[in-house]
Amino acid sequence: MDDNSNPLCVSVVIVNYNAGQTLVDCIESALPQVTEVLIVDNASSDRSLELCAERFPSEVKLKIMRNAANLGFAAACNLGAKAACEPHVLFLNPDCILSKNSVPRLLHVLEMTPQAGMVGGLLINQDGTEQAGGRRAVPTPWRSLVRAFGLYRLERYWPRLFFDFHLHKHSLPLGPLEVEAISGALMLVRQEAIRDVGPWDEGYFLHCEDLDWCMRFRKKGWKILFVPDAPVVHHKGTCSRSRPIFVEWHKHRGMMRFYRKFFRQEYPGALIWLVAAGIWLRFGVIATVHCIQYTGRLARSR
């Protein structure tokens, strides 16, 4: 189980957009563990692909697909999945560094659980602490309001009513755990399940497409598992720092699409409206803060 000397029947799909040296580090961590690494580049303008060519000049397992424009994360993932030659596809963010035995452990759990359509590992920060998002419940409209207004602090008294959808503050399970959703930063998925469920929804440009896919997997009867002994260091935000408002716009737009798609018929219109108002209010606040910070940096640079 802990020997990755022989590459596994896994194709890795990495969507790149200006990830720089981080992309090279990500590829280095993946190559020994898998059959092939597919880079789907969304028209990067930095030197990330040049750095790859310099570091891996004759690597036969590395393939690069270049898009003429930035198609978004979901569309790029679909291109990679179609090109993958193995029965299992690992969708991996370029700012993730796999630990030595992460892929064997993920694949072992997937193969030992026929009902599982996808598995995810333990996303950690550089200091070893667990990140939010690697294991989570679906952020329903009610759960989103609970988190937005800090009501999750009441979870200890009324756990079923004020449940926080992020699970990283809970104790790590001793073994694989079924969850409602994992992060698109690290998803090992069966090609069989993709054919059953369908591809990523390309109506999302950036963010929330992973939640959408998890919802659709579960609706089709596939289980989603979190594997705590498959740690991956996630340098979160590496590709998004240069355009924070652009990223936030698509994140909040993705939230709206997600709620309209899955909860419009299940929740009262007033609650959906309140969630929508909260989403765009949050975006307005974040965008304003970024503008103020940018103006301050400009003033200091003069």
Protein backbone atom coordinates (compact mmCIF):
# COMPACT_ATOMS: atom_id res chain seq x y z
CA MET A 1 0.00 0.00 0.00
CA ASP A 2 2.78 2.47 0.83
CA ASP A 3 5.01 1.64 -2.13
CA ASN A 4 4.64 3.97 -5.09
CA SER A 5 7.63 2.60 -7.02
CA ASN A 6 5.23 1.43 -9.74
CA PRO A 7 2.94 4.08 -11.25
CA LEU A 8 -0.75 3.39 -10.74
CA CYS A 9 -3.55 3.28 -13.31
CA VAL A 10 -4.34 6.93 -12.72
CA SER A 11 -4.32 9.91 -15.08
CA VAL A 12 -3.74 13.28 -13.43
CA VAL A 13 -5.47 16.36 -14.83
CA ILE A 14 -4.02 19.71 -13.74
CA VAL A 15 -5.69 22.91 -14.91
CA ASN A 16 -3.05 25.63 -15.07
CA TYR A 17 -3.40 29.38 -15.14
CA ASN A 18 -0.24 31.30 -14.30
CA ALA A 19 0.81 28.91 -11.52
CA GLY A 20 4.53 29.52 -12.06
CA GLN A 21 7.03 27.36 -10.19
CA THR A 22 4.23 25.85 -8.11
CA LEU A 23 3.08 23.93 -11.19
CA VAL A 24 6.53 22.35 -11.55
CA ASP A 25 6.52 21.30 -7.89
CA CYS A 26 3.04 19.82 -8.29
CA ILE A 27 4.07 17.78 -11.34
CA GLU A 28 7.19 16.49 -9.56
CA SER A 29 5.04 15.19 -6.71
CA ALA A 30 2.63 13.45 -9.09
CA LEU A 31 4.83 11.85 -11.77
CA PRO A 32 6.21 8.92 -9.68
CA GLN A 33 2.71 7.87 -8.61
CA VAL A 34 0.69 7.87 -11.84
CA THR A 35 0.63 6.76 -15.47
CA GLU A 36 0.32 10.21 -17.03
CA VAL A 37 0.05 13.88 -16.12
CA LEU A 38 -2.11 16.06 -18.35
CA ILE A 39 -1.66 19.82 -18.07
CA VAL A 40 -4.61 21.77 -19.47
CA ASP A 41 -3.37 25.33 -19.76
CA ASN A 42 -5.94 28.12 -19.85
CA ALA A 43 -3.89 30.60 -21.91
CA SER A 44 -1.35 31.39 -19.18
CA SER A 45 0.73 34.53 -19.66
CA ASP A 46 3.49 33.68 -17.19
CA ARG A 47 6.47 31.31 -17.59
CA SER A 48 4.82 28.27 -16.02
CA LEU A 49 4.86 26.19 -19.22
CA GLU A 50 8.42 27.28 -20.01
CA LEU A 51 9.48 26.19 -16.54
CA CYS A 52 7.87 22.80 -17.17
CA ALA A 53 9.71 22.42 -20.48
CA GLU A 54 13.00 23.28 -18.77
CA ARG A 55 12.43 20.90 -15.86
CA PHE A 56 10.89 17.99 -17.84
CA PRO A 57 12.39 18.23 -21.36
CA SER A 58 11.86 14.58 -22.27
CA GLU A 59 9.24 13.33 -19.82
CA VAL A 60 7.01 10.95 -21.77
CA LYS A 61 4.35 10.84 -19.06
CA LEU A 62 3.78 14.60 -19.24
CA LYS A 63 1.37 15.99 -21.83
CA ILE A 64 0.41 19.64 -22.26
CA MET A 65 -2.84 20.85 -23.80
CA ARG A 66 -2.89 24.56 -24.63
CA ASN A 67 -6.18 26.44 -24.82
CA ALA A 68 -6.27 29.59 -26.93
CA ALA A 69 -8.31 31.35 -24.24
CA ASN A 70 -9.17 30.94 -20.58
CA LEU A 71 -12.09 28.50 -20.78
CA GLY A 72 -12.62 28.27 -17.04
CA PHE A 73 -11.89 25.45 -14.62
CA ALA A 74 -14.81 23.14 -15.43
CA ALA A 75 -14.32 23.26 -19.21
CA ALA A 76 -10.59 22.61 -18.84
CA CYS A 77 -11.25 19.65 -16.52
CA ASN A 78 -13.60 18.16 -19.11
CA LEU A 79 -10.94 18.46 -21.81
CA GLY A 80 -8.44 16.70 -19.56
CA ALA A 81 -10.86 13.92 -18.62
CA LYS A 82 -11.63 13.23 -22.29
CA ALA A 83 -7.91 12.95 -23.06
CA ALA A 84 -7.12 10.73 -20.05
CA CYS A 85 -6.21 7.14 -20.88
CA GLU A 86 -6.70 5.52 -17.45
CA PRO A 87 -9.89 4.35 -15.69
CA HIS A 88 -9.25 6.72 -12.77
CA VAL A 89 -8.71 10.48 -13.09
CA LEU A 90 -7.12 12.60 -10.38
CA PHE A 91 -8.16 16.23 -10.70
CA LEU A 92 -5.39 18.16 -8.97
CA ASN A 93 -4.86 21.88 -8.49
CA PRO A 94 -1.42 23.16 -9.57
CA ASP A 95 -0.89 24.60 -6.09
CA CYS A 96 -1.12 21.15 -4.47
CA ILE A 97 1.85 18.98 -3.50
CA LEU A 98 1.08 15.29 -3.13
CA SER A 99 2.71 13.40 -0.29
CA LYS A 100 4.63 10.26 -1.26
CA ASN A 101 1.79 7.77 -0.85
CA SER A 102 -1.29 9.93 -1.34
CA VAL A 103 -2.35 8.47 -4.68
CA PRO A 104 -1.91 4.79 -3.68
CA ARG A 105 -3.99 5.36 -0.56
CA LEU A 106 -6.73 7.21 -2.44
CA LEU A 107 -6.85 4.56 -5.14
CA HIS A 108 -6.93 1.73 -2.60
CA VAL A 109 -10.00 3.21 -0.93
CA LEU A 110 -11.70 3.83 -4.27
CA GLU A 111 -11.05 0.28 -5.49
CA MET A 112 -12.15 -1.27 -2.18
CA THR A 113 -15.45 0.65 -2.27
CA PRO A 114 -17.31 -0.13 -5.51
CA GLN A 115 -20.12 2.28 -4.60
CA ALA A 116 -17.68 5.21 -4.34
CA GLY A 117 -17.52 7.48 -7.36
CA MET A 118 -14.89 9.83 -6.00
CA VAL A 119 -12.51 10.18 -3.07
CA GLY A 120 -10.57 13.12 -1.66
CA GLY A 121 -7.63 13.46 0.70
CA LEU A 122 -6.60 15.63 3.60
CA LEU A 123 -5.86 19.17 2.42
CA ILE A 124 -3.34 20.79 4.74
CA ASN A 125 -1.57 24.12 5.07
CA GLN A 126 2.21 24.39 5.06
CA ASP A 127 2.20 24.24 8.86
CA GLY A 128 0.35 20.92 8.80
CA THR A 129 -3.04 22.22 9.93
CA GLU A 130 -6.14 21.06 8.07
CA GLN A 131 -7.71 23.42 5.56
CA ALA A 132 -11.41 24.05 5.26
CA GLY A 133 -13.12 22.47 2.26
CA GLY A 134 -11.40 19.11 2.00
CA ARG A 135 -14.33 17.46 3.76
CA ARG A 136 -17.63 19.25 4.03
CA ALA A 137 -21.37 19.06 3.99
CA VAL A 138 -23.31 20.68 1.17
CA PRO A 139 -23.80 24.40 1.93
CA THR A 140 -27.57 24.51 1.68
CA PRO A 141 -29.22 27.96 1.86
CA TRP A 142 -29.92 27.47 5.58
CA ARG A 143 -26.39 26.28 6.36
CA SER A 144 -24.99 29.24 4.43
CA LEU A 145 -27.02 31.66 6.53
CA VAL A 146 -25.87 29.88 9.68
CA ARG A 147 -22.25 30.38 8.65
CA ALA A 148 -22.72 33.94 7.35
CA PHE A 149 -24.22 35.15 10.63
CA GLY A 150 -21.92 33.15 12.90
CA LEU A 151 -24.75 30.95 14.16
CA TYR A 152 -22.51 27.88 13.89
CA ARG A 153 -21.25 28.88 17.32
CA LEU A 154 -24.54 27.50 18.63
CA GLU A 155 -23.82 24.08 17.14
CA ARG A 156 -22.71 22.71 20.50
CA TYR A 157 -26.21 23.37 21.88
CA TRP A 158 -28.35 22.57 18.82
CA PRO A 159 -26.08 20.54 16.51
CA ARG A 160 -28.75 19.57 14.01
CA LEU A 161 -30.10 23.10 13.61
CA PHE A 162 -26.89 25.13 13.57
CA PHE A 163 -24.62 22.72 11.71
CA ASP A 164 -21.53 24.23 10.03
CA PHE A 165 -20.90 22.80 6.57
CA HIS A 166 -17.11 22.94 7.02
CA LEU A 167 -15.96 19.83 8.88
CA HIS A 168 -12.26 20.56 9.35
CA LYS A 169 -12.78 21.59 12.98
CA HIS A 170 -14.09 18.12 13.78
CA SER A 171 -11.67 15.41 14.87
CA LEU A 172 -10.08 13.50 12.02
CA PRO A 173 -11.73 10.12 11.46
CA LEU A 174 -9.62 7.01 11.93
CA GLY A 175 -10.40 5.77 8.43
CA PRO A 176 -12.26 6.68 5.23
CA LEU A 177 -15.45 8.60 5.91
CA GLU A 178 -18.45 9.17 3.66
CA VAL A 179 -19.10 12.90 3.24
CA GLU A 180 -21.43 15.05 1.16
CA ALA A 181 -18.68 16.92 -0.67
CA ILE A 182 -14.93 17.19 -1.16
CA SER A 183 -12.75 19.83 -2.80
CA GLY A 184 -12.08 20.10 -6.52
CA ALA A 185 -8.46 20.79 -5.60
CA LEU A 186 -8.01 17.03 -5.08
CA MET A 187 -10.53 14.56 -6.51
CA LEU A 188 -9.82 10.99 -7.58
CA VAL A 189 -12.76 9.96 -9.77
CA ARG A 190 -13.82 6.83 -11.63
CA GLN A 191 -14.22 7.29 -15.38
CA GLU A 192 -17.18 4.92 -15.09
CA ALA A 193 -18.85 7.35 -12.69
CA ILE A 194 -18.13 10.31 -14.98
CA ARG A 195 -19.88 8.51 -17.82
CA ASP A 196 -22.86 7.88 -15.55
CA VAL A 197 -23.12 11.33 -13.97
CA GLY A 198 -21.90 13.47 -16.84
CA PRO A 199 -19.04 15.97 -17.13
CA TRP A 200 -18.34 19.05 -15.04
CA ASP A 201 -20.97 21.77 -15.55
CA GLU A 202 -19.26 24.34 -17.78
CA GLY A 203 -21.80 26.96 -16.75
CA TYR A 204 -19.44 27.57 -13.83
CA PHE A 205 -16.27 29.44 -14.73
CA LEU A 206 -14.48 29.26 -11.39
CA HIS A 207 -15.62 27.94 -7.99
CA CYS A 208 -18.68 25.89 -6.93
CA GLU A 209 -18.34 23.49 -9.86
CA ASP A 210 -16.96 20.90 -7.43
CA LEU A 211 -20.01 21.21 -5.17
CA ASP A 212 -22.24 20.87 -8.22
CA TRP A 213 -20.48 17.66 -9.26
CA CYS A 214 -20.66 16.23 -5.75
CA MET A 215 -24.40 16.92 -5.65
CA ARG A 216 -24.90 15.18 -8.98
CA PHE A 217 -22.76 12.18 -7.97
CA ARG A 218 -24.82 11.65 -4.85
CA LYS A 219 -28.11 12.08 -6.73
CA LYS A 220 -26.96 9.26 -9.01
CA GLY A 221 -26.24 7.03 -6.00
CA TRP A 222 -22.44 7.30 -5.94
CA LYS A 223 -20.70 7.67 -2.57
CA ILE A 224 -18.08 10.33 -1.85
CA LEU A 225 -15.32 9.42 0.58
CA PHE A 226 -12.79 11.46 2.54
CA VAL A 227 -9.45 9.69 3.12
CA PRO A 228 -7.64 11.17 6.16
CA ASP A 229 -4.30 9.39 5.64
CA ALA A 230 -3.73 10.89 2.16
CA PRO A 231 -2.34 14.35 3.01
CA VAL A 232 -1.74 17.00 0.35
CA VAL A 233 -0.19 20.42 0.96
CA HIS A 234 -2.41 23.05 -0.68
CA HIS A 235 -0.85 26.47 -1.32
CA LYS A 236 -4.30 27.97 -1.60
CA GLY A 237 -4.84 30.93 -3.92
CA THR A 238 -1.57 30.74 -5.86
CA CYS A 239 -3.29 31.20 -9.23
CA SER A 240 -5.87 33.76 -8.10
CA ARG A 241 -3.85 36.40 -6.28
CA SER A 242 -3.16 38.50 -9.37
CA ARG A 243 -6.87 39.07 -10.12
CA PRO A 244 -8.75 38.93 -6.81
CA ILE A 245 -11.89 40.82 -7.88
CA PHE A 246 -12.21 38.72 -11.06
CA VAL A 247 -11.95 35.57 -8.96
CA GLU A 248 -14.43 36.81 -6.36
CA TRP A 249 -16.92 37.78 -9.08
CA HIS A 250 -16.91 34.28 -10.53
CA LYS A 251 -16.97 32.70 -7.07
CA HIS A 252 -20.12 34.58 -6.11
CA ARG A 253 -21.67 34.06 -9.54
CA GLY A 254 -21.00 30.34 -9.09
CA MET A 255 -22.73 30.40 -5.70
CA MET A 256 -25.83 31.88 -7.31
CA ARG A 257 -25.87 29.25 -10.05
CA PHE A 258 -25.46 26.48 -7.48
CA TYR A 259 -28.35 27.64 -5.29
CA ARG A 260 -30.69 28.28 -8.22
CA LYS A 261 -29.89 24.90 -9.75
CA PHE A 262 -30.36 22.70 -6.69
CA PHE A 263 -32.49 24.52 -4.11
CA ARG A 264 -34.93 26.82 -5.90
CA GLN A 265 -37.75 24.26 -5.64
CA GLU A 266 -36.90 23.03 -2.14
CA TYR A 267 -36.69 26.27 -0.16
CA PRO A 268 -39.08 29.22 0.26
CA GLY A 269 -38.52 32.01 -2.23
CA ALA A 270 -37.89 34.47 0.60
CA LEU A 271 -34.98 32.41 1.91
CA ILE A 272 -33.44 32.05 -1.56
CA TRP A 273 -33.81 35.81 -2.03
CA LEU A 274 -32.14 36.44 1.33
CA VAL A 275 -29.25 34.14 0.41
CA ALA A 276 -28.88 35.90 -2.96
CA ALA A 277 -28.82 39.29 -1.27
CA GLY A 278 -26.21 38.03 1.16
CA ILE A 279 -24.05 36.66 -1.66
CA TRP A 280 -23.95 39.94 -3.56
CA LEU A 281 -23.56 42.00 -0.40
CA ARG A 282 -20.57 39.85 0.48
CA PHE A 283 -19.13 40.35 -3.00
CA GLY A 284 -19.59 44.12 -2.71
CA VAL A 285 -17.76 44.25 0.60
CA ILE A 286 -14.88 42.06 -0.62
CA ALA A 287 -14.54 44.02 -3.89
CA THR A 288 -14.49 47.31 -1.98
CA VAL A 289 -11.78 46.05 0.36
CA HIS A 290 -9.64 44.90 -2.59
CA CYS A 291 -10.08 48.28 -4.31
CA ILE A 292 -9.03 50.15 -1.17
CA GLN A 293 -5.99 47.90 -0.75
CA TYR A 294 -5.02 48.34 -4.40
CA THR A 295 -5.36 52.12 -4.18
CA GLY A 296 -3.21 52.12 -1.06
CA ARG A 297 -0.48 50.10 -2.76
CA LEU A 298 -0.50 52.49 -5.72
CA ALA A 299 -0.20 55.49 -3.43
CA ARG A 300 2.72 53.95 -1.54
CA SER A 301 4.55 53.06 -4.77
CA ARG A 302 4.61 56.67 -6.01
